[in-house]
Every structure is written in structure tokens, then in C-alpha cells.
Amino acid sequence: MTDISIIFKLAAIGIIITVVCQVLKKSDRDDVATVVSIVGLVIALTVAVTMIGDLFQVVQDIFGVY
């Protein structure tokens, strides 16, 4: 099953993206900061969708639905 490390991974992605965006905004690079934030969102959603797919697979295995 899943463990707590996935929560820490998502939190780390969020913290890193936030810091990078703040640094870019302070240096008047708002366009690049927007791209970085979109890339961070895509990475986080990819991790979440992978977890949801694993959850559906486990539910299918438990109930024997194929």
C-alpha cells in the first residue's frame, strides 16, 4: 500500500516550487515564475494520478473485477 513518503514528496515539490517562484518574482521574471508553477502543478498531478490508478488496481484486485 501507500506510505507517508508520498505526502512528504508532494510537500517537498510544493515547497521547492514556491521558493523558486518567489525568487523569480523578486527578480522581475514573472513569466518564468508562471511556467515554473505550471510545471510544478503538472508534476504533482502526475504523482497524484499515479496513486489514484494504483488505488483503482487494488480495489479491482480485492473485489475480483477485471
N, C-alpha and C. Protein backbone atom coordinates (compact mmCIF):
# COMPACT_ATOMS: atom_id res chain seq x y z
N MET A 1 0.83 -1.19 0.00
CA MET A 1 0.00 0.00 0.00
C MET A 1 0.88 1.25 0.00
N THR A 2 0.21 2.38 0.09
CA THR A 2 0.97 3.63 0.11
C THR A 2 1.44 3.93 1.51
N ASP A 3 2.50 4.67 1.59
CA ASP A 3 3.00 5.07 2.89
C ASP A 3 3.06 6.59 2.97
N ILE A 4 3.59 7.07 4.04
CA ILE A 4 3.59 8.51 4.30
C ILE A 4 4.59 9.25 3.43
N SER A 5 5.51 8.55 2.78
CA SER A 5 6.55 9.22 2.00
C SER A 5 5.98 9.99 0.81
N ILE A 6 4.85 9.55 0.28
CA ILE A 6 4.26 10.26 -0.86
C ILE A 6 3.77 11.65 -0.44
N ILE A 7 3.30 11.78 0.79
CA ILE A 7 2.87 13.08 1.30
C ILE A 7 4.07 14.01 1.42
N PHE A 8 5.18 13.47 1.92
CA PHE A 8 6.39 14.27 2.03
C PHE A 8 6.93 14.66 0.65
N LYS A 9 6.78 13.77 -0.32
CA LYS A 9 7.24 14.07 -1.68
C LYS A 9 6.43 15.21 -2.28
N LEU A 10 5.12 15.17 -2.11
CA LEU A 10 4.27 16.25 -2.62
C LEU A 10 4.54 17.57 -1.89
N ALA A 11 4.77 17.49 -0.59
CA ALA A 11 5.08 18.70 0.18
C ALA A 11 6.42 19.29 -0.27
N ALA A 12 7.40 18.45 -0.51
CA ALA A 12 8.70 18.94 -0.97
C ALA A 12 8.59 19.61 -2.33
N ILE A 13 7.81 19.01 -3.23
CA ILE A 13 7.60 19.63 -4.54
C ILE A 13 6.97 21.01 -4.37
N GLY A 14 5.97 21.11 -3.52
CA GLY A 14 5.31 22.38 -3.28
C GLY A 14 6.23 23.43 -2.70
N ILE A 15 7.05 23.04 -1.75
CA ILE A 15 7.98 24.00 -1.12
C ILE A 15 9.02 24.47 -2.12
N ILE A 16 9.59 23.55 -2.88
CA ILE A 16 10.62 23.92 -3.86
C ILE A 16 10.05 24.86 -4.92
N ILE A 17 8.87 24.52 -5.43
CA ILE A 17 8.25 25.35 -6.46
C ILE A 17 7.93 26.74 -5.91
N THR A 18 7.44 26.81 -4.68
CA THR A 18 7.12 28.09 -4.06
C THR A 18 8.36 28.97 -3.90
N VAL A 19 9.46 28.38 -3.44
CA VAL A 19 10.69 29.15 -3.26
C VAL A 19 11.21 29.64 -4.60
N VAL A 20 11.23 28.77 -5.60
CA VAL A 20 11.72 29.17 -6.92
C VAL A 20 10.85 30.28 -7.50
N CYS A 21 9.55 30.16 -7.36
CA CYS A 21 8.65 31.19 -7.88
C CYS A 21 8.87 32.53 -7.18
N GLN A 22 9.05 32.50 -5.87
CA GLN A 22 9.28 33.74 -5.13
C GLN A 22 10.58 34.41 -5.56
N VAL A 23 11.62 33.61 -5.75
CA VAL A 23 12.90 34.17 -6.19
C VAL A 23 12.76 34.78 -7.58
N LEU A 24 12.05 34.08 -8.47
CA LEU A 24 11.87 34.60 -9.82
C LEU A 24 11.02 35.87 -9.84
N LYS A 25 9.99 35.91 -8.99
CA LYS A 25 9.16 37.12 -8.94
C LYS A 25 9.92 38.31 -8.39
N LYS A 26 10.79 38.07 -7.42
CA LYS A 26 11.59 39.17 -6.86
C LYS A 26 12.59 39.71 -7.87
N SER A 27 12.99 38.86 -8.82
CA SER A 27 13.93 39.32 -9.85
C SER A 27 13.20 39.73 -11.13
N ASP A 28 11.92 40.04 -11.01
CA ASP A 28 11.09 40.52 -12.12
C ASP A 28 11.04 39.56 -13.30
N ARG A 29 10.94 38.28 -13.00
CA ARG A 29 10.80 37.26 -14.05
C ARG A 29 9.46 36.55 -13.85
N ASP A 30 8.38 37.31 -13.89
CA ASP A 30 7.05 36.77 -13.62
C ASP A 30 6.64 35.72 -14.64
N ASP A 31 7.05 35.90 -15.89
CA ASP A 31 6.67 34.93 -16.92
C ASP A 31 7.30 33.57 -16.66
N VAL A 32 8.55 33.55 -16.26
CA VAL A 32 9.23 32.29 -15.96
C VAL A 32 8.66 31.67 -14.68
N ALA A 33 8.31 32.51 -13.71
CA ALA A 33 7.71 32.01 -12.47
C ALA A 33 6.38 31.33 -12.75
N THR A 34 5.62 31.86 -13.68
CA THR A 34 4.35 31.23 -14.04
C THR A 34 4.58 29.86 -14.67
N VAL A 35 5.56 29.78 -15.55
CA VAL A 35 5.87 28.49 -16.19
C VAL A 35 6.34 27.48 -15.15
N VAL A 36 7.17 27.92 -14.22
CA VAL A 36 7.66 27.02 -13.17
C VAL A 36 6.51 26.52 -12.32
N SER A 37 5.58 27.39 -12.00
CA SER A 37 4.45 26.96 -11.18
C SER A 37 3.55 25.99 -11.93
N ILE A 38 3.38 26.18 -13.23
CA ILE A 38 2.58 25.23 -14.03
C ILE A 38 3.28 23.87 -14.11
N VAL A 39 4.60 23.89 -14.28
CA VAL A 39 5.35 22.63 -14.33
C VAL A 39 5.25 21.91 -12.98
N GLY A 40 5.32 22.63 -11.89
CA GLY A 40 5.17 22.02 -10.57
C GLY A 40 3.80 21.41 -10.38
N LEU A 41 2.77 22.09 -10.87
CA LEU A 41 1.42 21.55 -10.79
C LEU A 41 1.28 20.27 -11.60
N VAL A 42 1.87 20.26 -12.79
CA VAL A 42 1.81 19.05 -13.62
C VAL A 42 2.53 17.89 -12.95
N ILE A 43 3.67 18.14 -12.34
CA ILE A 43 4.41 17.08 -11.65
C ILE A 43 3.59 16.53 -10.49
N ALA A 44 3.00 17.42 -9.69
CA ALA A 44 2.20 16.98 -8.55
C ALA A 44 0.97 16.20 -9.01
N LEU A 45 0.32 16.66 -10.07
CA LEU A 45 -0.85 15.94 -10.58
C LEU A 45 -0.46 14.57 -11.14
N THR A 46 0.70 14.49 -11.76
CA THR A 46 1.16 13.19 -12.27
C THR A 46 1.35 12.20 -11.14
N VAL A 47 1.94 12.65 -10.05
CA VAL A 47 2.13 11.78 -8.88
C VAL A 47 0.77 11.36 -8.33
N ALA A 48 -0.16 12.31 -8.22
CA ALA A 48 -1.48 12.01 -7.67
C ALA A 48 -2.26 11.06 -8.57
N VAL A 49 -2.22 11.26 -9.87
CA VAL A 49 -2.94 10.38 -10.80
C VAL A 49 -2.37 8.96 -10.75
N THR A 50 -1.06 8.85 -10.62
CA THR A 50 -0.44 7.54 -10.49
C THR A 50 -0.94 6.83 -9.24
N MET A 51 -1.04 7.57 -8.14
CA MET A 51 -1.55 6.97 -6.90
C MET A 51 -3.00 6.55 -7.04
N ILE A 52 -3.82 7.35 -7.71
CA ILE A 52 -5.23 7.00 -7.90
C ILE A 52 -5.35 5.77 -8.78
N GLY A 53 -4.51 5.65 -9.80
CA GLY A 53 -4.51 4.45 -10.63
C GLY A 53 -4.15 3.21 -9.84
N ASP A 54 -3.17 3.34 -8.95
CA ASP A 54 -2.81 2.22 -8.08
C ASP A 54 -3.96 1.85 -7.14
N LEU A 55 -4.67 2.85 -6.65
CA LEU A 55 -5.82 2.60 -5.78
C LEU A 55 -6.91 1.82 -6.51
N PHE A 56 -7.21 2.23 -7.74
CA PHE A 56 -8.22 1.50 -8.52
C PHE A 56 -7.78 0.07 -8.79
N GLN A 57 -6.50 -0.15 -9.02
CA GLN A 57 -6.00 -1.50 -9.25
C GLN A 57 -6.17 -2.37 -8.01
N VAL A 58 -5.91 -1.80 -6.85
CA VAL A 58 -6.07 -2.54 -5.59
C VAL A 58 -7.55 -2.88 -5.38
N VAL A 59 -8.44 -1.92 -5.64
CA VAL A 59 -9.87 -2.18 -5.47
C VAL A 59 -10.34 -3.27 -6.43
N GLN A 60 -9.83 -3.24 -7.65
CA GLN A 60 -10.19 -4.29 -8.62
C GLN A 60 -9.70 -5.64 -8.15
N ASP A 61 -8.50 -5.69 -7.59
CA ASP A 61 -7.96 -6.96 -7.10
C ASP A 61 -8.75 -7.48 -5.90
N ILE A 62 -9.17 -6.57 -5.03
CA ILE A 62 -9.90 -7.00 -3.84
C ILE A 62 -11.27 -7.58 -4.21
N PHE A 63 -11.97 -6.93 -5.11
CA PHE A 63 -13.32 -7.36 -5.46
C PHE A 63 -13.35 -8.30 -6.65
N GLY A 64 -12.22 -8.56 -7.26
CA GLY A 64 -12.17 -9.50 -8.37
C GLY A 64 -12.82 -8.98 -9.64
N VAL A 65 -12.83 -7.68 -9.84
CA VAL A 65 -13.42 -7.07 -11.02
C VAL A 65 -12.30 -6.86 -12.04
N TYR A 66 -12.55 -7.34 -13.27
CA TYR A 66 -11.50 -7.18 -14.31
C TYR A 66 -12.05 -6.58 -15.53
